[in-house]
Amino acid sequence: MIVSLFFQFGIGLQRTIYNNFIAEELAIDAQGLGVIESIREIPGLLTIVLIAGLGLFTEPVAMAICIAFLSAGLVLYGMAGGLAGLIVATTVYSIGFHLYMPVQSSMVLRLAKFGEKGRRLGELESVRALAGFLAMGFVVLTARYLNYRMLFWWAAGLSLIGAAIMLLMPRDKTQITARKMIFRKRYWLYYVLVFLTGSRMHIYQIFATFFLVSIFKIPVQHMAILLGVSNLFSMITRPLIGRFIDKAGEQAALTINYSLVILIFLGYAFVKYLPFIYFLYILDNASMGVSMAISTFLDKIAPREEITSSLAMGSTIQHVAGVMVPVVGGTIWSTFGYQYTFMAGAFFAIISLFACRFINQERKLKEIAFVPSGES
């Protein structure tokens, strides 16, 4: 929890200033943003390969290595002078971020008691939201004294504190991150859900924020306040969402979520009243927390020894969407208008709503003996 606070604080600083930085200082347009974000997702495609490379380390050491990569990327952001520098910084940052997430989720699922996994993931998401809220407040208080580059360096230094603390955790050499790549037919629904969730997530993370900055000309201080309020709301709701997942099940949680996302994206596309757009953005950020239900669903259909590798494979599949969506979404935005990008997001949510109807059916397969681990 403490490590996550520092790690997510660094990410929160980057997220708060990134769009303003590239738009105001580097003059990157929507199409350029899409290209950069597509490159950012390439390490996500390689997650399953990279995570296997961390298999020689215990989980705490592997997580410290991931944080070090992310911190190096933040330093490089502060040094970027154009598109080329931004691409290098984005790649290094992305390697650390995408390796960290499946290892962290695996640790939480391993340490949490049965029936509390959603709750524990929710609590971790709450810490993540708290860190984001503190990061937004930091930007609001220091924006007039620190330029964008200095803020990136602050983010790097604070993230490294998390890496140092992680090295203090007890290290059981029997608990390694992963040793092999796993892709199994019986996890097909998990793979479909993470792909669709990746498509929806990247439309929100990339284009919803850019929408506010480029269309409504939101200054960085106002953007920081909005993100701070979003994270404060998420900090309160994420543990509640986790408990709801434990009690009502993954299917109910995801059904409600995808129904809500359809309305949110249509709101982005057609509503022009800024206060209401703020409300949709806050709600959109909060709804992202329901995606933890996909991880708890995997935990219920996969044996313990396959969780980390399967989460890594899911991250790789999710980032297939991450490579395609930014480029396609940016091109649609530049060619037809932002409305069509968000309408595409609503379309992905509709497909997701249909896919989650199979969750309970797949859960019943738990009653059947697992296929021998050598089968792929």
Foldseek 3Di string as FASTA:
>chain_A
DVLLLLLLLLVLLCLLCVLVCCCPQAVQDLLLLLQLLLLLLPLLLCLLVVLLVQQQFFLLLQLLVLLLQLLVLLLLVLVDRYSVSSSVSSNSNSNSVNNNVLSVLLVLLVPDDPLCSLLSLLQSLLSSLVSSLVSLVVCLVCVVPDPSSVSSNVSSVSSNVSSVVSVVDDGDSVRGQANHADDDPLCVLLLLLLQLLLLLVCCLSRVLLNCCCPVVVDDSNRSSVLSNVLSNVLSVCSSVLSNCCSVVHLLVLLLVLLVLLLVLLLCSLPPDDVVVSSVSSSVSSNSNSSCVRSLVLCVLQDDSNCSSSVSSNSSSSSSVSSNVLSNVLSVCCVPPRNSVSSNVSSVSSVVSSVSSVCSVVSSVCSVPDDDPPVDD
